[in-house]
Protein backbone atom coordinates (compact mmCIF):
# COMPACT_ATOMS: atom_id res chain seq x y z
CA MET A 1 -41.46 -26.09 90.35
CA SER A 2 -42.45 -27.36 86.93
CA ALA A 3 -39.99 -28.89 84.55
CA CYS A 4 -40.66 -26.09 82.04
CA LYS A 5 -39.95 -23.38 84.57
CA SER A 6 -36.72 -25.09 85.65
CA LYS A 7 -35.57 -25.28 82.04
CA ARG A 8 -36.31 -21.57 81.55
CA ILE A 9 -34.26 -20.66 84.64
CA ILE A 10 -31.36 -22.82 83.51
CA ALA A 11 -31.52 -21.32 80.03
CA THR A 12 -31.54 -17.80 81.48
CA LEU A 13 -28.54 -18.50 83.74
CA THR A 14 -26.66 -20.07 80.84
CA SER A 15 -27.32 -17.01 78.69
CA LEU A 16 -26.12 -14.67 81.45
CA ALA A 17 -22.95 -16.72 81.87
CA MET A 18 -22.26 -16.53 78.14
CA ILE A 19 -22.81 -12.76 78.15
CA ILE A 20 -20.35 -12.33 81.05
CA VAL A 21 -17.73 -14.44 79.26
CA PHE A 22 -18.26 -12.42 76.09
CA ILE A 23 -17.83 -9.10 77.96
CA PHE A 24 -14.57 -10.25 79.55
CA ALA A 25 -13.35 -11.46 76.17
CA LEU A 26 -13.91 -7.97 74.74
CA ALA A 27 -12.25 -6.20 77.69
CA PRO A 28 -8.98 -4.56 76.63
CA ALA A 29 -5.95 -6.57 77.71
CA ARG A 30 -2.48 -5.17 78.32
CA GLN A 31 -0.91 -5.60 74.94
CA THR A 32 2.08 -4.27 73.07
CA ARG A 33 1.48 -0.63 72.15
CA ALA A 34 1.78 0.76 68.64
CA ASP A 35 5.24 2.12 69.52
CA GLY A 36 6.43 -1.39 70.44
CA VAL A 37 6.28 -0.92 74.22
CA ASN A 38 5.03 -4.09 75.90
CA PRO A 39 3.99 -4.61 79.54
CA GLY A 40 7.40 -6.12 80.34
CA ILE A 41 9.24 -2.98 79.25
CA GLU A 42 6.88 -0.74 81.19
CA SER A 43 7.32 -2.91 84.29
CA PHE A 44 11.12 -2.79 83.89
CA VAL A 45 11.24 1.01 83.73
CA SER A 46 8.65 1.43 86.50
CA SER A 47 10.85 -0.69 88.76
CA LEU A 48 13.79 1.63 88.10
CA TYR A 49 11.74 4.57 89.30
CA SER A 50 10.22 2.86 92.34
CA ASP A 51 13.04 0.55 93.48
CA CYS A 52 16.02 2.67 92.38
CA LEU A 53 14.81 6.25 92.82
CA GLY A 54 12.12 5.47 95.40
CA ARG A 55 9.36 7.41 93.68
CA ASN A 56 6.59 7.12 91.12
CA PRO A 57 7.61 7.74 87.52
CA ASP A 58 6.67 10.98 85.82
CA PRO A 59 4.69 10.20 82.65
CA SER A 60 7.13 11.81 80.23
CA GLY A 61 10.15 10.11 81.76
CA LEU A 62 8.46 6.70 81.83
CA ASN A 63 7.35 7.02 78.22
CA ASP A 64 10.76 8.24 77.06
CA TRP A 65 12.65 5.31 78.56
CA CYS A 66 10.04 2.78 77.42
CA GLU A 67 10.20 3.99 73.82
CA ARG A 68 14.00 3.98 73.79
CA LEU A 69 14.10 0.40 75.09
CA ALA A 70 11.43 -0.73 72.63
CA SER A 71 13.27 0.84 69.68
CA GLY A 72 16.59 -0.66 70.76
CA SER A 73 18.32 2.73 71.00
CA VAL A 74 19.35 1.76 74.54
CA SER A 75 19.89 -1.65 76.13
CA GLY A 76 18.70 -2.83 79.52
CA LYS A 77 22.13 -2.10 81.02
CA GLN A 78 22.26 1.38 79.49
CA CYS A 79 18.82 2.20 80.82
CA ALA A 80 19.71 0.97 84.31
CA TYR A 81 22.98 2.92 84.13
CA GLY A 82 21.04 6.13 83.55
CA PHE A 83 19.22 5.63 86.85
CA PHE A 84 21.86 4.09 89.12
CA PHE A 85 24.48 6.67 88.14
CA SER A 86 22.20 9.69 88.33
CA SER A 87 22.75 12.31 91.02
CA GLU A 88 19.22 11.57 92.23
CA PHE A 89 20.11 7.98 93.10
CA GLN A 90 23.50 9.02 94.49
CA SER A 91 21.69 11.25 96.95
CA ARG A 92 19.25 8.50 97.88
CA ALA A 93 22.02 5.89 98.20
CA ASN A 94 23.71 8.02 100.86
CA SER A 95 20.67 7.55 103.07
CA LEU A 96 20.34 3.77 102.58
CA SER A 97 21.89 1.07 104.73
CA ASP A 98 24.08 -1.49 102.98
CA SER A 99 21.32 -4.10 103.04
CA GLU A 100 18.74 -1.62 101.70
CA LEU A 101 21.13 -0.63 98.91
CA VAL A 102 21.73 -4.26 97.96
CA ASN A 103 18.00 -4.95 97.99
CA ALA A 104 17.41 -2.12 95.49
CA TYR A 105 19.74 -3.85 93.02
CA TYR A 106 18.03 -7.19 93.56
CA LYS A 107 14.59 -5.73 92.87
CA VAL A 108 15.60 -3.86 89.72
CA PHE A 109 17.97 -6.35 88.12
CA LEU A 110 16.52 -9.65 89.32
CA GLY A 111 12.90 -8.71 89.97
CA ARG A 112 12.89 -10.01 93.54
CA SER A 113 13.97 -9.14 97.05
CA ALA A 114 17.39 -10.24 98.24
CA ASP A 115 17.60 -13.68 99.81
CA PRO A 116 19.53 -13.84 103.14
CA SER A 117 22.64 -15.49 101.70
CA GLY A 118 22.73 -13.16 98.70
CA SER A 119 22.27 -10.10 100.88
CA SER A 120 25.05 -11.26 103.19
CA TYR A 121 27.41 -11.85 100.27
CA TRP A 122 26.90 -8.46 98.63
CA THR A 123 26.94 -6.43 101.85
CA SER A 124 30.25 -8.12 102.62
CA GLU A 125 31.54 -7.24 99.15
CA ILE A 126 30.78 -3.53 99.50
CA ALA A 127 32.03 -3.39 103.09
CA SER A 128 35.61 -3.46 101.79
CA THR A 129 35.23 -0.72 99.17
CA THR A 130 33.96 2.83 98.86
CA ASN A 131 32.91 2.16 95.26
CA ASP A 132 29.64 0.52 96.30
CA LEU A 133 27.62 1.55 93.25
CA GLY A 134 30.22 0.38 90.77
CA VAL A 135 30.73 -3.02 92.42
CA LEU A 136 27.00 -3.69 92.68
CA PHE A 137 26.11 -2.43 89.22
CA THR A 138 28.71 -4.58 87.47
CA GLY A 139 27.86 -7.66 89.52
CA PHE A 140 24.13 -7.46 88.87
CA ALA A 141 24.08 -5.99 85.35
CA ASP A 142 26.45 -8.65 84.00
CA SER A 143 24.60 -11.54 85.66
CA ALA A 144 22.90 -14.32 83.69
CA GLU A 145 19.73 -13.77 85.73
CA PHE A 146 19.49 -10.16 84.55
CA ALA A 147 20.04 -11.24 80.95
CA GLN A 148 17.16 -13.68 81.35
CA LYS A 149 14.94 -10.97 82.83
CA CYS A 150 15.68 -8.70 79.86
CA THR A 151 14.75 -11.50 77.44
CA GLU A 152 11.46 -11.99 79.26
CA CYS A 153 10.78 -8.24 79.01
CA GLY A 154 11.48 -8.23 75.29
CA ILE A 155 14.69 -6.18 75.47
CA THR A 156 18.41 -6.90 75.14
CA ALA A 157 20.68 -6.77 78.18
CA GLY A 158 23.45 -5.20 76.12
CA GLU A 159 27.22 -5.18 76.39
CA HIS A 160 29.30 -4.70 79.53
CA ILE A 161 29.56 -1.07 80.64
CA ASP A 162 32.69 0.30 82.31
CA VAL A 163 31.20 2.33 85.14
CA PRO A 164 32.71 5.39 86.85
CA THR A 165 34.07 5.29 90.37
CA THR A 166 31.62 6.73 92.89
CA VAL A 167 31.90 7.18 96.62
CA ARG A 168 28.86 6.66 98.84
CA GLN A 169 28.30 8.39 102.19
CA ALA A 170 31.19 10.79 101.72
CA SER A 171 31.62 14.52 101.26
CA ALA A 172 29.65 16.59 98.75
CA THR A 173 32.58 16.33 96.32
CA ALA A 174 31.90 12.62 95.84
CA VAL A 175 29.17 12.98 93.25
CA ALA A 176 28.04 10.25 90.88
CA ALA A 177 28.33 10.36 87.13
CA THR A 178 25.82 12.48 85.26
CA PRO A 179 22.55 10.81 84.21
CA VAL A 180 21.42 9.98 80.72
CA SER A 181 18.38 12.19 80.35
CA ALA A 182 16.25 14.82 82.00
CA PRO A 183 13.49 12.45 83.19
CA VAL A 184 15.95 11.08 85.77
CA SER A 185 17.66 14.36 86.66
CA THR A 186 19.75 17.04 85.02
CA PRO A 187 22.68 18.05 87.23
CA SER A 188 24.75 21.07 86.41
CA THR A 189 28.18 20.60 84.91
CA THR A 190 29.76 21.83 88.14
CA ASN A 191 29.19 18.36 89.62
CA ASN A 192 32.49 16.59 90.18
CA VAL A 193 32.29 13.66 87.79
CA VAL A 194 34.91 10.95 88.06
CA PRO A 195 35.45 9.91 84.42
CA ALA A 196 35.72 6.23 83.54
CA SER A 197 37.86 7.03 80.55
CA SER A 198 40.97 5.60 78.99
CA SER A 199 41.25 8.41 76.44
CA GLY A 200 40.54 11.34 78.75
CA VAL A 201 38.23 12.83 76.10
CA MET A 202 35.15 14.60 77.50
CA VAL A 203 32.03 15.40 75.46
CA TRP A 204 28.66 17.09 75.91
CA ILE A 205 25.39 15.16 75.69
CA PRO A 206 21.94 16.77 75.43
CA ASN A 207 18.83 15.99 77.44
CA THR A 208 17.09 15.10 74.16
CA GLY A 209 18.70 13.72 71.05
CA ARG A 210 21.26 10.99 70.45
CA ARG A 211 24.44 12.89 69.45
CA TYR A 212 27.43 13.85 71.57
CA HIS A 213 29.23 17.14 70.98
CA SER A 214 32.66 18.67 71.49
CA ARG A 215 31.10 22.09 72.22
CA SER A 216 28.35 22.81 74.73
CA SER A 217 26.98 25.53 72.43
CA CYS A 218 26.45 23.19 69.48
CA SER A 219 22.90 22.53 68.25
CA GLY A 220 21.36 24.90 70.75
CA MET A 221 21.65 22.44 73.65
CA ILE A 222 20.14 23.59 76.95
CA ASP A 223 21.94 22.54 80.14
CA PRO A 224 23.82 19.58 78.56
CA SER A 225 25.77 17.07 80.66
CA TYR A 226 29.57 16.70 80.52
CA VAL A 227 30.67 13.04 80.37
CA THR A 228 33.53 10.96 79.06
CA ILE A 229 33.32 9.90 75.44
CA GLU A 230 33.30 6.26 76.57
CA GLN A 231 30.25 6.91 78.76
CA ALA A 232 28.47 8.70 75.92
CA GLN A 233 29.16 5.83 73.52
CA ALA A 234 28.11 3.23 76.09
CA LEU A 235 24.80 5.04 76.43
CA GLY A 236 24.13 4.91 72.71
CA PHE A 237 25.22 8.42 71.70
CA THR A 238 26.95 8.93 68.35
CA PRO A 239 29.14 11.88 67.21
CA CYS A 240 27.60 15.11 65.95
CA ALA A 241 28.40 15.67 62.26
CA ARG A 242 29.14 19.36 62.93
CA CYS A 243 31.61 18.69 65.74
CA TYR A 244 33.46 15.69 64.32
């Protein structure tokens, strides 16, 4: 092969390599969306659907939670609360073993599977109580590791949340607190909610919107949820100007 021909081949290969690099450089990368949602937020919410509820997210629910986290209207703890204290997760939790339940909290809050010593510790902790969901939520949500994960996702962990008492693997009357919004589930108000309330004041919260109400008929709400005022405030709801 002549020197000229070799140079032409090398030049051709170099040009092809440069074209390939240029194409990859132009390929769209996963970037922060116009609404402020970044890949970390989307990954955080997707984990709540897959590791908490055990299913793929519905597009509207995923987008709703992502936008609320990106805007700061809810914190990481408030978002997680909406999933772990939904009737959908309560039902799923009743079918999980203690180790499987603990592992779900590890995956959502810490982004990893439970290590043997950690799994042993937490399964021992919930073995002596019927309030499994409350003990686990507080322990994981208030951890420094979860706060670090939230920072990496571009969201705030938020303040401590006083969670309601729930009973796992019991009768149908032991139902978890109502969820935050329709994308998770919308239980009827006949569910037996155990209020985590010092005031005893109950309010109505809509499936859409950010106001809590003293009357279920206010603002044309459809199938609102009945929660304690402390729970509504912890989830970022503020009072309706017509009711208060």
